[in-house]
Protein backbone atom coordinates (compact mmCIF):
# COMPACT_ATOMS: atom_id res chain seq x y z
CA MET A 1 77.47 141.44 167.26
CA LYS A 2 76.36 137.93 168.44
CA ARG A 3 77.85 134.66 167.49
CA ARG A 4 75.73 132.67 164.98
CA SER A 5 73.77 129.89 166.69
CA THR A 6 74.54 126.40 165.36
CA LYS A 7 74.13 122.72 166.03
CA GLN A 8 76.67 121.13 168.41
CA VAL A 9 78.66 118.45 166.57
CA LYS A 10 80.32 115.71 168.59
CA ILE A 11 83.83 114.71 167.39
CA GLY A 12 85.28 112.10 169.71
CA GLU A 13 85.40 113.72 173.12
CA ILE A 14 85.02 117.30 171.89
CA TYR A 15 82.29 119.39 170.34
CA ILE A 16 82.19 122.03 167.63
CA GLY A 17 79.38 124.55 167.64
CA SER A 18 78.26 127.82 169.03
CA GLU A 19 77.86 126.61 172.62
CA TYR A 20 81.63 125.96 172.74
CA PRO A 21 84.78 128.06 172.29
CA VAL A 22 86.05 128.35 168.70
CA LEU A 23 88.29 125.28 168.29
CA VAL A 24 91.76 125.48 166.82
CA GLN A 25 93.11 122.73 164.62
CA SER A 26 95.94 121.89 162.18
CA MET A 27 97.03 119.23 159.68
CA LEU A 28 99.96 116.90 159.37
CA ASN A 29 102.38 117.15 156.46
CA THR A 30 104.00 113.81 157.00
CA ASP A 31 103.64 110.65 154.87
CA THR A 32 100.44 108.90 156.12
CA MET A 33 102.16 105.51 155.78
CA ASN A 34 104.92 106.60 158.23
CA THR A 35 103.06 105.98 161.44
CA GLU A 36 105.83 107.13 163.75
CA ALA A 37 106.34 110.45 161.96
CA CYS A 38 102.61 111.06 161.93
CA VAL A 39 102.32 110.34 165.65
CA GLU A 40 105.30 112.53 166.56
CA GLN A 41 104.02 115.47 164.49
CA ALA A 42 100.45 115.05 165.84
CA ILE A 43 101.82 115.18 169.36
CA ARG A 44 103.64 118.45 168.62
CA ILE A 45 100.41 119.90 167.34
CA ILE A 46 98.42 118.69 170.35
CA GLU A 47 101.04 119.98 172.85
CA ALA A 48 101.05 123.34 171.05
CA GLY A 49 97.37 123.60 171.82
CA GLY A 50 95.67 122.01 168.75
CA LYS A 51 92.33 120.39 169.56
CA LEU A 52 91.92 118.35 166.37
CA VAL A 53 94.42 116.86 164.00
CA ARG A 54 93.82 116.28 160.27
CA ILE A 55 95.65 113.66 158.24
CA THR A 56 95.47 113.11 154.45
CA ALA A 57 94.40 109.75 153.12
CA PRO A 58 94.86 109.66 149.32
CA GLY A 59 93.97 106.04 148.97
CA ILE A 60 92.59 103.05 150.84
CA LYS A 61 95.97 101.84 152.19
CA GLU A 62 96.54 105.29 153.83
CA ALA A 63 92.97 105.23 155.14
CA LYS A 64 93.63 101.84 156.74
CA ASN A 65 96.86 103.02 158.35
CA LEU A 66 94.84 105.72 160.14
CA GLU A 67 93.88 102.95 162.52
CA ASN A 68 97.57 102.41 163.48
CA ILE A 69 98.15 106.17 163.92
CA HIS A 70 95.01 106.47 166.06
CA ALA A 71 95.93 103.48 168.23
CA GLU A 72 99.45 104.69 168.87
CA LEU A 73 98.31 108.09 169.95
CA ARG A 74 95.84 106.54 172.33
CA ARG A 75 98.59 104.12 173.63
CA ARG A 76 100.67 107.23 174.43
CA GLY A 77 97.78 108.84 176.33
CA TYR A 78 96.58 111.37 173.73
CA THR A 79 92.85 111.36 173.10
CA THR A 80 92.69 114.31 170.66
CA PRO A 81 90.34 113.44 167.81
CA LEU A 82 91.70 112.75 164.30
CA SER A 83 90.14 113.86 160.99
CA ALA A 84 90.84 112.22 157.66
CA ASP A 85 91.28 114.47 154.56
CA ILE A 86 89.84 112.83 151.42
CA HIS A 87 89.97 113.88 147.74
CA PHE A 88 88.77 111.89 144.67
CA ASN A 89 88.17 108.58 146.52
CA PRO A 90 84.87 107.76 148.15
CA GLU A 91 86.15 104.28 149.03
CA ALA A 92 89.02 105.76 151.00
CA ALA A 93 86.47 108.04 152.84
CA ILE A 94 84.40 105.02 153.82
CA GLU A 95 87.48 103.19 155.08
CA ALA A 96 88.69 106.20 157.02
CA ALA A 97 85.33 106.61 158.68
CA ARG A 98 85.92 103.30 160.43
CA HIS A 99 89.14 104.51 162.11
CA VAL A 100 88.91 108.26 162.98
CA GLU A 101 86.43 110.60 164.58
CA LYS A 102 85.85 112.81 161.55
CA VAL A 103 86.21 112.68 157.75
CA ARG A 104 86.54 115.69 155.46
CA ILE A 105 85.27 115.25 151.88
CA ASN A 106 85.51 117.76 149.02
CA PRO A 107 82.29 118.27 147.05
CA GLY A 108 84.37 119.17 143.99
CA ASN A 109 85.84 115.69 143.64
CA PHE A 110 84.02 113.26 145.96
CA VAL A 111 81.73 112.07 143.12
CA ASP A 112 82.44 114.45 140.26
CA LYS A 113 85.58 113.97 138.17
CA ARG A 114 88.59 116.15 138.39
CA ALA A 115 87.83 119.51 136.84
CA THR A 116 89.12 120.17 133.35
CA PHE A 117 88.07 123.87 133.37
CA LYS A 118 86.39 123.31 130.00
CA THR A 119 82.96 124.79 129.44
CA LEU A 120 80.55 121.87 129.47
CA THR A 121 76.83 121.82 128.83
CA TYR A 122 74.33 119.69 130.76
CA THR A 123 70.68 119.25 130.00
CA ASP A 124 68.33 119.40 132.96
CA GLU A 125 67.98 115.63 132.82
CA GLU A 126 71.76 115.01 132.71
CA TYR A 127 72.22 117.41 135.63
CA ALA A 128 69.54 115.69 137.68
CA ALA A 129 71.08 112.30 136.97
CA GLU A 130 74.43 113.58 138.25
CA LEU A 131 72.72 114.80 141.43
CA GLU A 132 71.12 111.41 141.89
CA ARG A 133 74.47 109.72 141.56
CA LEU A 134 75.91 112.16 144.12
CA ARG A 135 73.14 111.29 146.51
CA GLU A 136 73.65 107.56 146.13
CA LYS A 137 77.44 107.68 146.74
CA PHE A 138 77.31 110.19 149.56
CA THR A 139 74.48 108.35 151.32
CA ALA A 140 76.50 105.17 151.38
CA PHE A 141 79.32 107.09 153.05
CA LEU A 142 76.98 108.68 155.60
CA ASP A 143 75.63 105.25 156.46
CA VAL A 144 79.15 104.13 157.50
CA CYS A 145 79.72 107.38 159.38
CA ARG A 146 76.48 106.87 161.32
CA GLU A 147 77.47 103.29 162.15
CA TYR A 148 80.87 104.29 163.60
CA GLY A 149 79.80 107.66 165.14
CA THR A 150 82.00 109.53 162.69
CA ALA A 151 81.48 113.25 162.06
CA VAL A 152 81.81 114.78 158.54
CA ARG A 153 83.23 118.01 157.19
CA ILE A 154 81.94 119.08 153.81
CA GLY A 155 85.03 121.10 152.75
CA THR A 156 84.50 123.06 149.52
CA ASN A 157 87.56 124.71 147.93
CA HIS A 158 87.36 127.47 145.38
CA GLY A 159 90.12 125.79 143.42
CA SER A 160 88.44 122.39 143.02
CA LEU A 161 84.90 123.06 141.97
CA SER A 162 83.67 120.49 139.49
CA ASP A 163 83.01 121.17 135.76
CA ARG A 164 79.36 120.43 136.48
CA ILE A 165 79.03 123.16 139.12
CA MET A 166 81.05 125.60 137.06
CA SER A 167 78.88 124.92 134.01
CA ARG A 168 75.99 126.59 135.76
CA TYR A 169 77.43 128.81 138.48
CA GLY A 170 80.93 129.63 137.27
CA ASN A 171 84.09 129.51 139.44
CA THR A 172 82.41 131.86 141.90
CA PRO A 173 81.30 132.10 145.51
CA ALA A 174 77.80 131.21 144.36
CA GLY A 175 79.30 127.94 142.80
CA MET A 176 81.03 127.15 146.05
CA VAL A 177 77.75 127.60 147.94
CA GLU A 178 75.64 125.42 145.60
CA ALA A 179 78.36 122.75 145.62
CA THR A 180 78.07 122.68 149.40
CA MET A 181 74.34 122.88 149.59
CA GLU A 182 73.96 119.81 147.30
CA TYR A 183 75.63 117.69 150.03
CA LEU A 184 73.95 119.52 152.92
CA ARG A 185 70.53 118.70 151.45
CA VAL A 186 71.45 114.97 151.43
CA CYS A 187 72.57 115.25 155.07
CA ARG A 188 69.27 116.89 156.01
CA ASP A 189 67.24 114.30 154.12
CA GLU A 190 69.14 111.47 155.73
CA LYS A 191 68.84 113.15 159.21
CA PHE A 192 72.62 113.11 159.63
CA ASP A 193 73.46 116.12 161.75
CA ASP A 194 77.13 115.67 162.75
CA VAL A 195 78.34 117.95 159.94
CA VAL A 196 80.72 120.83 159.85
CA ILE A 197 81.17 122.98 156.75
CA SER A 198 84.07 125.03 155.19
CA LEU A 199 84.36 127.15 152.13
CA LYS A 200 87.92 128.16 151.45
CA SER A 201 89.95 130.11 148.95
CA SER A 202 93.36 131.70 148.73
CA ASP A 203 91.52 134.89 147.86
CA CYS A 204 90.26 136.43 151.07
CA ARG A 205 87.41 138.23 149.41
CA VAL A 206 86.09 135.11 147.64
CA MET A 207 86.32 133.14 150.98
CA VAL A 208 84.47 135.81 152.99
CA GLU A 209 81.81 136.35 150.35
CA ALA A 210 81.24 132.60 149.96
CA VAL A 211 80.85 132.03 153.72
CA ARG A 212 78.41 134.97 154.12
CA LEU A 213 76.38 133.67 151.14
CA LEU A 214 76.30 130.15 152.51
CA VAL A 215 75.04 131.34 155.87
CA LYS A 216 72.12 133.14 154.11
CA GLU A 217 71.30 130.06 152.01
CA MET A 218 71.35 127.83 155.05
CA GLU A 219 69.05 130.18 156.88
CA LYS A 220 66.65 130.04 153.98
CA GLU A 221 66.59 126.25 154.17
CA GLY A 222 66.46 126.02 157.92
CA MET A 223 70.01 124.75 158.40
CA ASP A 224 72.34 125.60 161.22
CA TYR A 225 75.49 123.58 160.77
CA PRO A 226 78.74 124.95 162.32
CA LEU A 227 81.41 126.58 160.26
CA HIS A 228 85.14 125.81 159.81
CA LEU A 229 87.08 128.88 158.64
CA GLY A 230 90.38 129.06 156.80
CA VAL A 231 92.23 130.79 153.95
CA THR A 232 93.85 128.16 151.79
CA GLU A 233 97.38 128.66 150.47
CA ALA A 234 97.95 131.67 152.73
CA GLY A 235 101.68 131.22 152.42
CA GLU A 236 104.31 131.66 155.13
CA GLY A 237 105.83 134.25 157.43
CA GLU A 238 104.17 137.65 157.97
CA ASP A 239 102.35 137.49 154.62
CA GLY A 240 100.63 134.22 155.52
CA ARG A 241 99.63 135.47 158.93
CA ILE A 242 98.18 138.69 157.72
CA ARG A 243 96.27 137.08 154.84
CA SER A 244 94.75 134.53 157.24
CA ALA A 245 93.86 137.25 159.77
CA VAL A 246 92.11 139.32 157.15
CA GLY A 247 89.96 136.42 156.01
CA ILE A 248 89.35 134.50 159.20
CA GLY A 249 89.27 137.66 161.42
CA THR A 250 86.69 139.37 159.26
CA LEU A 251 84.22 136.49 159.75
CA LEU A 252 85.03 135.85 163.42
CA ASN A 253 84.27 139.61 164.07
CA GLU A 254 80.83 139.05 162.48
CA GLY A 255 80.04 136.12 164.76
CA LEU A 256 80.70 133.48 162.12
CA GLY A 257 83.00 130.54 162.68
CA ASP A 258 83.16 127.65 165.10
CA THR A 259 86.57 126.15 164.35
CA ILE A 260 89.60 127.60 162.55
CA ARG A 261 92.82 126.55 160.90
CA VAL A 262 95.48 128.97 159.91
CA SER A 263 97.21 127.37 156.89
CA LEU A 264 100.90 128.24 156.80
CA THR A 265 103.72 126.87 154.70
CA GLU A 266 105.56 126.10 157.94
CA GLU A 267 105.73 123.31 160.49
CA PRO A 268 102.01 122.69 161.38
CA GLU A 269 102.55 123.19 165.14
CA GLN A 270 103.52 126.82 164.35
CA GLU A 271 99.97 127.42 163.11
CA ILE A 272 98.49 126.90 166.60
CA PRO A 273 99.76 129.97 168.46
CA VAL A 274 98.72 132.17 165.48
CA ALA A 275 95.20 130.68 165.48
CA ASN A 276 94.88 130.99 169.27
CA LEU A 277 95.95 134.65 169.20
CA LEU A 278 93.56 135.36 166.31
CA ASN A 279 90.77 133.77 168.38
CA GLU A 280 91.65 135.93 171.33
CA ILE A 281 91.72 139.26 169.53
CA CYS A 282 88.48 138.66 167.63
CA CYS A 283 86.22 139.15 170.70
CA LEU A 284 82.64 140.02 169.68
CA GLN A 285 81.72 143.53 170.88
CA ASP A 286 78.28 144.03 172.34
CA LEU A 287 77.03 147.22 170.70
CA LYS A 288 73.85 148.98 171.70
CA THR A 289 72.65 148.93 168.09
CA GLU A 290 73.51 146.82 165.03
CA PRO A 291 75.55 148.67 162.42
CA ILE A 292 73.64 149.88 159.34
CA HIS A 293 74.61 148.10 156.13
CA VAL A 294 76.92 150.20 153.91
CA GLU A 295 77.61 149.62 150.25
CA GLY A 296 81.20 149.63 149.22
CA ARG A 297 82.52 152.24 146.78
CA TYR A 298 86.37 152.35 147.11
CA SER A 299 88.33 149.92 144.99
CA HIS A 300 91.70 151.67 145.22
CA PRO A 301 92.21 152.92 148.78
CA VAL A 302 95.12 155.15 149.85
CA ILE A 303 97.59 154.93 152.69
CA VAL A 304 98.41 157.62 155.18
CA ALA A 305 102.03 157.18 156.32
CA ASP A 306 102.21 158.21 159.97
CA ILE A 307 105.74 159.50 160.52
CA SER A 308 104.90 161.65 163.58
CA LYS A 309 107.75 159.98 165.47
CA VAL A 310 110.26 161.41 163.02
CA GLU A 311 112.07 164.37 164.57
CA CYS A 312 113.86 165.53 161.47
CA LEU A 313 112.64 165.18 157.86
CA ASP A 314 115.57 164.34 155.59
CA GLU A 315 116.42 162.46 152.44
CA ALA A 316 116.80 159.13 154.33
CA VAL A 317 113.28 159.38 155.76
CA MET A 318 111.92 160.06 152.29
CA ALA A 319 113.85 157.15 150.78
CA ASP A 320 112.34 154.83 153.41
CA LEU A 321 108.92 156.00 152.18
CA ASP A 322 110.02 155.17 148.57
CA PHE A 323 110.47 158.77 147.47
CA HIS A 324 113.65 159.35 145.46
CA VAL A 325 115.22 162.18 143.59
CA ALA A 326 113.46 162.74 140.25
CA THR A 327 115.32 162.75 136.94
CA GLU A 328 114.15 166.32 136.23
CA ASN A 329 114.78 169.07 138.74
CA ASP A 330 112.76 172.15 139.47
CA PRO A 331 114.57 175.39 138.36
CA VAL A 332 113.59 177.15 141.70
CA TYR A 333 113.55 174.37 144.30
CA GLY A 334 116.28 172.13 142.87
CA ASP A 335 116.08 168.38 143.44
CA MET A 336 112.49 167.19 143.46
CA LEU A 337 111.22 163.81 144.63
CA GLN A 338 109.19 161.17 142.76
CA GLY A 339 107.36 158.32 144.32
CA GLY A 340 107.94 154.61 143.71
CA MET A 341 105.45 151.73 143.67
CA ARG A 342 105.41 151.58 147.49
CA SER A 343 105.25 155.32 148.27
CA PRO A 344 102.14 156.44 150.23
CA GLU A 345 99.63 158.88 148.88
CA MET A 346 99.42 160.84 152.12
CA ILE A 347 101.91 161.66 154.88
CA TYR A 348 101.09 162.73 158.45
CA THR A 349 104.02 164.56 160.03
CA GLU A 350 104.57 166.76 163.04
CA ALA A 351 108.17 167.58 161.95
CA LEU A 352 108.38 170.26 159.21
CA GLY A 353 111.10 171.09 156.79
CA PRO A 354 112.26 171.69 153.25
CA GLU A 355 111.86 168.00 152.24
CA LEU A 356 108.06 168.69 152.17
CA THR A 357 108.70 171.18 149.31
CA LYS A 358 110.22 168.43 147.16
CA LEU A 359 107.24 166.00 147.34
CA PRO A 360 105.20 165.36 144.20
CA ASP A 361 101.97 167.42 143.97
CA SER A 362 100.00 164.16 144.12
CA VAL A 363 101.10 163.61 147.74
CA THR A 364 98.91 165.07 150.47
CA VAL A 365 100.81 166.34 153.53
CA VAL A 366 98.70 166.24 156.77
CA VAL A 367 99.80 168.25 159.80
CA PRO A 368 98.24 169.11 163.24
CA PHE A 369 95.78 171.99 162.91
CA ASP A 370 98.06 174.33 164.98
CA SER A 371 100.99 173.70 162.62
CA LEU A 372 99.18 174.47 159.34
CA ASP A 373 100.53 178.01 158.85
CA ILE A 374 104.09 176.91 159.31
CA ALA A 375 103.54 173.82 157.09
CA HIS A 376 102.37 176.06 154.25
CA VAL A 377 105.79 177.63 154.17
CA TYR A 378 107.14 174.29 152.94
CA ASN A 379 104.13 172.84 151.16
CA ARG A 380 101.23 175.04 150.06
CA LYS A 381 98.93 172.06 149.68
CA ALA A 382 99.33 170.87 153.27
CA VAL A 383 96.06 170.14 155.08
CA ALA A 384 95.12 170.20 158.74
CA LEU A 385 93.96 167.43 161.03
CA ILE A 386 91.29 168.79 163.39
CA ASN A 387 89.06 167.23 166.04
CA ALA A 388 85.43 167.00 164.90
CA LYS A 389 84.16 169.19 167.72
CA ASP A 390 86.57 171.93 166.84
CA PHE A 391 85.79 171.58 163.18
CA VAL A 392 82.09 172.29 163.81
CA ARG A 393 83.02 175.46 165.70
CA LEU A 394 85.19 176.87 162.86
CA SER A 395 83.78 180.18 161.64
CA LYS A 396 85.52 180.19 158.30
CA PRO A 397 87.10 177.65 155.85
CA VAL A 398 90.61 176.52 156.52
CA GLU A 399 93.34 177.22 153.99
CA GLY A 400 94.64 174.26 152.00
CA ASP A 401 93.22 171.52 149.78
CA GLY A 402 90.58 170.36 152.25
CA ILE A 403 90.73 169.31 155.89
CA PHE A 404 90.90 166.02 157.83
CA VAL A 405 88.13 165.80 160.50
CA GLU A 406 88.88 163.30 163.22
CA VAL A 407 86.03 161.48 164.90
CA ARG A 408 86.88 159.72 168.13
CA ASP A 409 83.35 159.19 169.56
CA VAL A 410 80.18 158.12 167.81
CA GLU A 411 78.23 160.83 169.66
CA VAL A 412 79.91 163.56 167.55
CA ILE A 413 78.45 162.03 164.41
CA ASN A 414 75.32 164.23 164.53
CA THR A 415 73.25 166.62 162.41
CA GLU A 416 75.56 169.52 163.25
CA LEU A 417 78.58 167.69 161.91
CA ALA A 418 76.58 166.49 158.88
CA GLY A 419 75.61 170.07 158.02
CA LYS A 420 79.18 171.29 158.26
CA LEU A 421 80.56 168.46 156.15
CA GLU A 422 77.85 169.14 153.56
CA ARG A 423 79.33 172.58 153.05
CA GLU A 424 82.88 171.21 153.13
CA LYS A 425 82.64 168.50 150.55
CA ASN A 426 86.44 168.11 150.22
CA ALA A 427 86.78 167.34 153.91
CA ILE A 428 87.90 163.80 154.74
CA VAL A 429 86.46 162.08 157.80
CA VAL A 430 89.00 160.21 159.90
CA LEU A 431 87.42 157.55 162.09
CA ASN A 432 89.68 157.01 165.14
CA PRO A 433 87.68 155.50 168.03
CA GLU A 434 89.30 155.33 171.45
CA CYS A 435 88.89 151.58 171.59
CA PRO A 436 88.82 150.54 167.93
CA SER A 437 87.25 147.29 166.66
CA SER A 438 85.71 146.04 163.41
CA ALA A 439 82.20 146.39 164.79
CA LEU A 440 82.80 149.91 166.03
CA TYR A 441 84.15 151.16 162.66
CA ARG A 442 81.10 149.62 160.92
CA LEU A 443 78.83 151.34 163.50
CA TYR A 444 80.48 154.72 162.79
CA LEU A 445 80.14 154.15 158.99
CA GLY A 446 76.53 153.27 159.46
CA GLU A 447 75.91 156.52 161.36
CA LEU A 448 77.54 158.50 158.63
CA LYS A 449 75.28 156.84 156.11
CA ARG A 450 72.15 157.44 158.30
CA LEU A 451 72.93 161.22 158.35
CA GLY A 452 73.64 161.35 154.60
CA ILE A 453 77.36 162.15 155.10
CA MET A 454 78.99 161.28 151.80
CA ASN A 455 82.51 162.65 152.42
CA ARG A 456 85.45 160.30 151.91
CA VAL A 457 86.36 158.30 154.95
CA ILE A 458 89.76 157.10 156.24
CA VAL A 459 90.06 154.68 159.18
CA ARG A 460 92.80 155.33 161.63
CA ALA A 461 93.89 152.81 164.26
CA MET A 462 96.06 153.93 167.18
CA PHE A 463 97.30 150.85 169.09
CA ASP A 464 100.06 151.28 171.63
CA GLU A 465 101.26 147.66 171.47
CA SER A 466 104.93 146.59 171.57
CA ASP A 467 104.31 143.01 170.38
CA SER A 468 104.44 143.24 166.56
CA ASN A 469 102.86 139.72 166.10
CA ARG A 470 99.81 140.67 168.11
CA LEU A 471 99.61 144.13 166.61
CA SER A 472 99.71 142.89 163.00
CA LEU A 473 97.08 140.25 163.62
CA TRP A 474 94.82 142.70 165.36
CA MET A 475 95.07 145.30 162.66
CA ALA A 476 94.51 142.78 159.87
CA ALA A 477 91.60 141.05 161.58
CA HIS A 478 89.75 144.22 162.59
CA LEU A 479 90.49 146.41 159.57
CA GLY A 480 90.94 144.02 156.64
CA GLY A 481 87.17 143.37 156.21
CA LEU A 482 86.51 147.13 155.67
CA PHE A 483 88.73 146.91 152.62
CA LEU A 484 87.33 143.53 151.46
CA ASP A 485 83.97 145.31 151.44
CA ARG A 486 85.37 148.47 149.80
CA LEU A 487 83.93 150.64 152.52
CA VAL A 488 86.61 153.27 153.15
CA TYR A 489 88.89 155.57 151.20
CA GLY A 490 92.06 155.04 153.13
CA LEU A 491 94.03 153.40 155.94
CA TRP A 492 96.10 155.14 158.57
CA LEU A 493 97.94 153.07 161.20
CA SER A 494 99.66 154.63 164.13
CA CYS A 495 101.96 152.27 166.00
CA PRO A 496 103.70 154.20 168.86
CA GLY A 497 104.77 151.02 170.65
CA ILE A 498 106.90 149.69 167.73
CA PRO A 499 110.41 151.20 167.39
CA ASP A 500 110.36 151.04 163.56
CA MET A 501 108.77 154.32 162.56
CA PHE A 502 107.73 152.92 159.14
CA TYR A 503 106.12 149.78 160.52
CA GLY A 504 102.56 151.10 160.13
CA VAL A 505 103.17 151.97 156.46
CA HIS A 506 104.41 148.46 155.69
CA LEU A 507 101.61 146.79 157.64
CA SER A 508 99.07 148.98 155.86
CA GLN A 509 100.44 147.78 152.52
CA ASP A 510 100.33 144.16 153.55
CA ILE A 511 96.67 144.51 154.76
CA LEU A 512 95.54 146.21 151.55
CA GLN A 513 97.31 143.61 149.37
CA SER A 514 95.73 140.78 151.43
CA ALA A 515 92.35 142.40 150.88
CA GLY A 516 92.97 142.40 147.10
CA VAL A 517 92.65 146.15 146.65
CA ARG A 518 96.33 147.12 146.12
CA ARG A 519 99.58 145.41 144.92
CA TYR A 520 102.87 146.55 146.45
CA LYS A 521 105.03 143.44 145.91
CA THR A 522 105.06 140.00 144.32
CA GLU A 523 102.18 138.01 145.71
CA PHE A 524 103.07 134.43 146.56
CA ILE A 525 100.48 131.88 147.51
CA SER A 526 101.53 128.48 148.81
CA CYS A 527 99.72 125.61 150.42
CA PRO A 528 100.79 124.35 153.87
CA GLY A 529 101.67 120.93 152.58
CA CYS A 530 100.28 117.57 153.61
CA GLY A 531 100.99 113.88 153.16
CA ARG A 532 100.27 114.38 149.44
CA THR A 533 103.09 116.88 149.02
CA LEU A 534 105.52 115.64 146.45
CA TYR A 535 108.54 117.66 147.34
CA ASN A 536 110.14 119.82 150.04
CA LEU A 537 107.55 122.60 149.95
CA GLN A 538 109.16 124.95 152.48
CA GLU A 539 112.49 124.87 150.64
CA SER A 540 110.79 125.36 147.29
CA VAL A 541 108.82 128.35 148.51
CA ALA A 542 112.04 129.93 149.79
CA LYS A 543 113.76 129.34 146.45
CA VAL A 544 110.86 130.70 144.42
CA LYS A 545 110.58 133.84 146.62
CA LYS A 546 114.37 134.46 146.35
CA ALA A 547 114.31 134.22 142.56
CA PHE A 548 111.15 136.20 141.84
CA ALA A 549 110.48 138.56 144.71
CA HIS A 550 111.34 141.60 142.57
CA LEU A 551 108.53 140.89 140.06
CA SER A 552 106.03 143.07 141.91
CA ARG A 553 103.30 142.88 139.28
CA LEU A 554 103.02 139.13 139.40
CA LYS A 555 101.17 136.49 141.49
CA ILE A 556 103.02 133.17 141.73
CA ALA A 557 101.64 130.02 143.24
CA VAL A 558 103.76 127.25 144.81
CA MET A 559 101.72 124.05 145.40
CA GLY A 560 102.59 120.76 146.88
CA CYS A 561 100.38 118.69 144.60
CA ILE A 562 97.50 119.02 142.08
CA VAL A 563 94.50 118.79 144.47
CA ASN A 564 93.83 122.50 144.62
CA GLY A 565 95.96 123.56 141.59
CA PRO A 566 95.41 124.60 138.93
CA GLY A 567 92.04 125.74 140.21
CA GLU A 568 93.21 127.44 143.44
CA MET A 569 95.97 129.16 141.54
CA GLY A 570 93.74 130.04 138.64
CA ASP A 571 94.16 133.76 139.17
CA ALA A 572 97.92 133.40 139.63
CA ASP A 573 100.05 134.40 136.69
CA TYR A 574 102.37 131.40 137.14
CA GLY A 575 102.35 128.13 139.07
CA TYR A 576 105.05 125.82 140.42
CA VAL A 577 103.46 122.47 141.34
CA GLY A 578 105.01 119.27 142.72
CA ALA A 579 104.74 116.28 140.32
CA GLY A 580 106.62 113.61 142.31
CA ASN A 581 109.97 111.86 141.73
CA GLY A 582 111.89 115.12 141.92
CA LYS A 583 109.83 116.72 139.22
CA VAL A 584 107.84 120.00 138.95
CA ASN A 585 105.05 120.98 136.61
CA LEU A 586 104.91 124.70 135.57
CA PHE A 587 101.73 126.59 134.79
CA ARG A 588 100.83 129.81 133.10
CA GLY A 589 97.47 130.60 134.65
CA LYS A 590 95.48 127.38 134.52
CA GLU A 591 97.49 125.99 131.58
CA MET A 592 100.22 123.47 132.36
CA VAL A 593 103.00 124.50 129.93
CA ARG A 594 106.03 122.49 131.19
CA VAL A 595 105.70 118.93 132.49
CA ALA A 596 107.99 116.98 134.78
CA VAL A 597 110.79 119.50 134.95
CA PRO A 598 113.66 118.25 137.16
CA GLU A 599 113.45 120.21 140.47
CA GLU A 600 117.06 121.41 140.16
CA GLU A 601 116.10 122.97 136.79
CA ALA A 602 112.64 124.30 137.69
CA ILE A 603 113.59 127.78 138.93
CA GLU A 604 115.48 128.54 135.71
CA ALA A 605 112.68 127.02 133.65
CA LEU A 606 110.12 129.22 135.36
CA LYS A 607 112.39 132.27 134.80
CA GLN A 608 112.54 131.46 131.09
CA LEU A 609 108.72 130.98 130.94
CA ILE A 610 108.19 134.43 132.53
CA LYS A 611 110.64 135.98 130.15
CA GLU A 612 109.04 134.37 127.13
CA ASN A 613 105.73 135.95 128.16
CA GLY A 614 107.31 139.42 128.51
CA ASP A 615 106.74 139.57 132.34
CA TRP A 616 110.43 139.61 133.44
CA ASN A 617 112.35 142.67 134.58
CA ASP A 618 115.80 142.79 136.24
């Protein structure tokens, strides 16, 4: 894999582009009119390692105050460039361009009105007239940027596409791409090259698909602008980090991306170490051959719970895997187990015992090949894990419901293995390279396709790492894309360096949920906050999570303001959006159903709304 070649864009004293390291940035969440607070937070970001600081400018007065923030940072000896974040207000963008090194504008609302999400119809003439108006407004802005040497980011958000774009392209990755290309064509025609692009969504799959599609469209039109990557409303804590790693990491591992921001609902300086670590672990791997493209076919992947560190199987171990005593017992075996929402479909164990007898028939027990006969005493459906070379040498079929064939080297994916797997159609291939990476898994999958091997495939990653932060980011960044693309049947994480023997199971669940292929718990999306945020976002997220974390079937959005909501939370079941003056607006999908609810009453009001719609359970 090679990094995509791009233009080099100058932003103050730094450059963004393929000739430079991927740049890490963050954004203030302070009031833009509070110069001291903005300067202090910007310094914390810079000293944490941030190379660019973004600041919202909702109006002209905030845009003008950027001059004071910029000057004070320079007076204190900080030369890190600043970027203004603009929505709805071209005049504010023009003013900001006079005071900072870069301005981000949003194609969804720079010229077009705020989306109403109503289906509108445009004649070709009306559509062309809107494009001409866009060109006129945007060109005036570019003229000022050229005069002051200010770079531009065209930052398209899935949640804020205009009605005009959605009327022809829908609220889709294709719509995001066309909204962006309209502005890029103006930049090209005006010969304005200091442009960076971003296409973001809270949905990792939408974000990844949009960026890939944009790169193809730019190639068709001879464009090579650098890319800013990010997952909007990623949330906070472990969930936010894993969701960001799945989206950003997938693209970095494909050679796409020149600057990144990990958007967390936390203090912005806490984003920087996460982004730096993500940069570090997404090193491009120089393969001898490019992986063959493989079409996805697995929309509901399974998890293999690796409990090989367990020395004794007992009821407590099974409970930790969400297997509990069933309401009806077996007349012969007594208490049987039933799985809950978070129980794995498969279990790999080296410890054997009566608890295996109690598992539901739907659960596959995997054991080392040499332990299969003993395992069958406790579970007649147990299957063996065998090395691919030993599998090829087997003279007769193995007892059990299939066999797991482990591939650790691409050289063993050959015609001999293909012939054997053709005869053993129930065999599952387990890809477990010695030095795993996204590129290597894709290379292995391509080789399987080249040889016509159609057996189900599980990816296994064995990573002897004791730092759980590094481990979780690595796993999410290198494996998440395989599930975004629906390429594999299952996920098997082995984490010998982590004391918690169930860590791999929980991490697997988080990765699959971030990839949008499984749901194990309530999904919360929340923006990181900025100067537009109209209430204490971090406290609100904590309150919402505490009240609704048990509603595992739901997706709930917590937004600081209306810029990206309701669009960005359009696929959320419910939304909790700041409205200012201690008030909150509540949404059901894209529909605002409660307006200006006092914040102290908002949690209970949302609870009642969920109950009224039949989505509540205790």
